[in-house]
C-alpha atoms as a PDB file:
ATOM      1  CA  MET A   1       0.025  -0.024  -0.007  1.00  0.00           C
ATOM      2  CA  ILE A   2       1.173   3.490  -0.845  1.00  0.00           C
ATOM      3  CA  THR A   3       0.005   6.438   1.310  1.00  0.00           C
ATOM      4  CA  ILE A   4       0.033   9.892  -0.199  1.00  0.00           C
ATOM      5  CA  GLU A   5      -0.286  13.128   1.773  1.00  0.00           C
ATOM      6  CA  LEU A   6      -1.314  16.220  -0.206  1.00  0.00           C
ATOM      7  CA  LYS A   7      -0.254  19.512   1.303  1.00  0.00           C
ATOM      8  CA  GLY A   8      -1.526  23.065   0.594  1.00  0.00           C
ATOM      9  CA  GLN A   9      -4.166  23.579  -1.968  1.00  0.00           C
ATOM     10  CA  LEU A  10      -3.238  20.264  -3.774  1.00  0.00           C
ATOM     11  CA  TYR A  11      -6.005  18.338  -1.927  1.00  0.00           C
ATOM     12  CA  TRP A  12      -8.557  20.379  -3.926  1.00  0.00           C
ATOM     13  CA  TYR A  13      -7.680  18.235  -6.978  1.00  0.00           C
ATOM     14  CA  VAL A  14      -8.257  14.888  -5.156  1.00  0.00           C
ATOM     15  CA  ASP A  15     -11.950  15.469  -4.013  1.00  0.00           C
ATOM     16  CA  LYS A  16     -10.701  17.482  -1.028  1.00  0.00           C
ATOM     17  CA  MET A  17      -8.880  14.429   0.362  1.00  0.00           C
ATOM     18  CA  LYS A  18      -5.585  15.287   2.242  1.00  0.00           C
ATOM     19  CA  THR A  19      -4.575  11.680   2.523  1.00  0.00           C
ATOM     20  CA  VAL A  20      -5.076   9.047  -0.195  1.00  0.00           C
ATOM     21  CA  SER A  21      -4.058   5.342  -0.034  1.00  0.00           C
ATOM     22  CA  ILE A  22      -3.527   3.161  -3.055  1.00  0.00           C
ATOM     23  CA  ASP A  23      -3.293  -0.663  -2.633  1.00  0.00           C
ATOM     24  CA  HIS A  24      -1.180  -1.207  -5.659  1.00  0.00           C
ATOM     25  CA  PHE A  25       0.467   1.295  -7.997  1.00  0.00           C
ATOM     26  CA  GLU A  26       3.048   0.582 -10.780  1.00  0.00           C
ATOM     27  CA  GLY A  27       5.105   3.416 -12.117  1.00  0.00           C
ATOM     28  CA  ASN A  28       6.974   6.409 -10.974  1.00  0.00           C
ATOM     29  CA  LEU A  29       6.059   9.765  -9.144  1.00  0.00           C
ATOM     30  CA  LYS A  30       5.255  11.518 -12.387  1.00  0.00           C
ATOM     31  CA  ASP A  31       2.848   8.781 -13.293  1.00  0.00           C
ATOM     32  CA  LEU A  32       1.202   9.044  -9.808  1.00  0.00           C
ATOM     33  CA  VAL A  33       0.895  12.873 -10.009  1.00  0.00           C
ATOM     34  CA  ILE A  34      -0.910  12.542 -13.451  1.00  0.00           C
ATOM     35  CA  SER A  35      -3.151   9.707 -12.126  1.00  0.00           C
ATOM     36  CA  LEU A  36      -4.186  11.846  -9.178  1.00  0.00           C
ATOM     37  CA  GLY A  37      -5.001  14.748 -11.587  1.00  0.00           C
ATOM     38  CA  LEU A  38      -2.389  17.181 -10.097  1.00  0.00           C
ATOM     39  CA  PRO A  39      -1.141  19.905 -12.392  1.00  0.00           C
ATOM     40  CA  GLU A  40       2.600  19.200 -12.656  1.00  0.00           C
ATOM     41  CA  GLY A  41       3.317  22.932 -12.532  1.00  0.00           C
ATOM     42  CA  GLU A  42       1.881  23.078  -9.014  1.00  0.00           C
ATOM     43  CA  VAL A  43       4.027  20.267  -7.668  1.00  0.00           C
ATOM     44  CA  GLY A  44       6.971  21.663  -5.904  1.00  0.00           C
ATOM     45  CA  VAL A  45       8.633  18.988  -3.761  1.00  0.00           C
ATOM     46  CA  VAL A  46       7.896  15.277  -3.351  1.00  0.00           C
ATOM     47  CA  LEU A  47       9.098  13.413  -0.239  1.00  0.00           C
ATOM     48  CA  VAL A  48       9.250   9.741  -0.326  1.00  0.00           C
ATOM     49  CA  ASN A  49       9.809   8.159   3.268  1.00  0.00           C
ATOM     50  CA  GLN A  50      10.996  11.673   4.386  1.00  0.00           C
ATOM     51  CA  LYS A  51      13.527  11.911   1.467  1.00  0.00           C
ATOM     52  CA  LYS A  52      13.198  14.311  -1.438  1.00  0.00           C
ATOM     53  CA  GLU A  53      12.968  12.217  -4.701  1.00  0.00           C
ATOM     54  CA  PRO A  54      12.792  13.259  -8.358  1.00  0.00           C
ATOM     55  CA  LEU A  55       9.571  12.551 -10.370  1.00  0.00           C
ATOM     56  CA  SER A  56      11.311   9.618 -11.982  1.00  0.00           C
ATOM     57  CA  TYR A  57      11.589   7.661  -8.693  1.00  0.00           C
ATOM     58  CA  SER A  58       9.879   4.247  -9.103  1.00  0.00           C
ATOM     59  CA  LEU A  59       7.280   3.631  -6.440  1.00  0.00           C
ATOM     60  CA  LYS A  60       7.586   0.707  -4.093  1.00  0.00           C
ATOM     61  CA  ALA A  61       5.204  -0.967  -1.667  1.00  0.00           C
ATOM     62  CA  ASN A  62       4.796   0.788   1.604  1.00  0.00           C
ATOM     63  CA  ASP A  63       6.167   4.091   0.382  1.00  0.00           C
ATOM     64  CA  HIS A  64       4.808   7.114   2.326  1.00  0.00           C
ATOM     65  CA  ILE A  65       4.593  10.133  -0.115  1.00  0.00           C
ATOM     66  CA  ILE A  66       4.222  13.827   0.758  1.00  0.00           C
ATOM     67  CA  ILE A  67       3.589  16.152  -2.177  1.00  0.00           C
ATOM     68  CA  ILE A  68       4.077  19.766  -1.421  1.00  0.00           C
ATOM     69  CA  PRO A  69       2.848  22.570  -3.801  1.00  0.00           C
ATOM     70  CA  VAL A  70       5.052  25.242  -5.263  1.00  0.00           C
ATOM     71  CA  VAL A  71       5.148  28.151  -2.879  1.00  0.00           C
ATOM     72  CA  GLY A  72       5.005  31.625  -4.201  1.00  0.00           C
ATOM     73  CA  GLY A  73       4.724  35.040  -2.815  1.00  0.00           C
ATOM     74  CA  GLY A  74       6.223  38.502  -2.743  1.00  0.00           C
END
């Protein structure tokens, strides 16, 4: 099972759910972002098991993923 936490406004894209669990997923983080319906341009940092990973990271069973949006401001 893979657990995904969506931070900031990203949860709006997934039926306002801040935590999503997926029993089985084959692919990388980019595939996951697309399957969740998240705009890639709004994804800032992705942590897998508390470590920053690129979108090319291949998901494994029991990964805990935190997706943090791009932060802007002036």
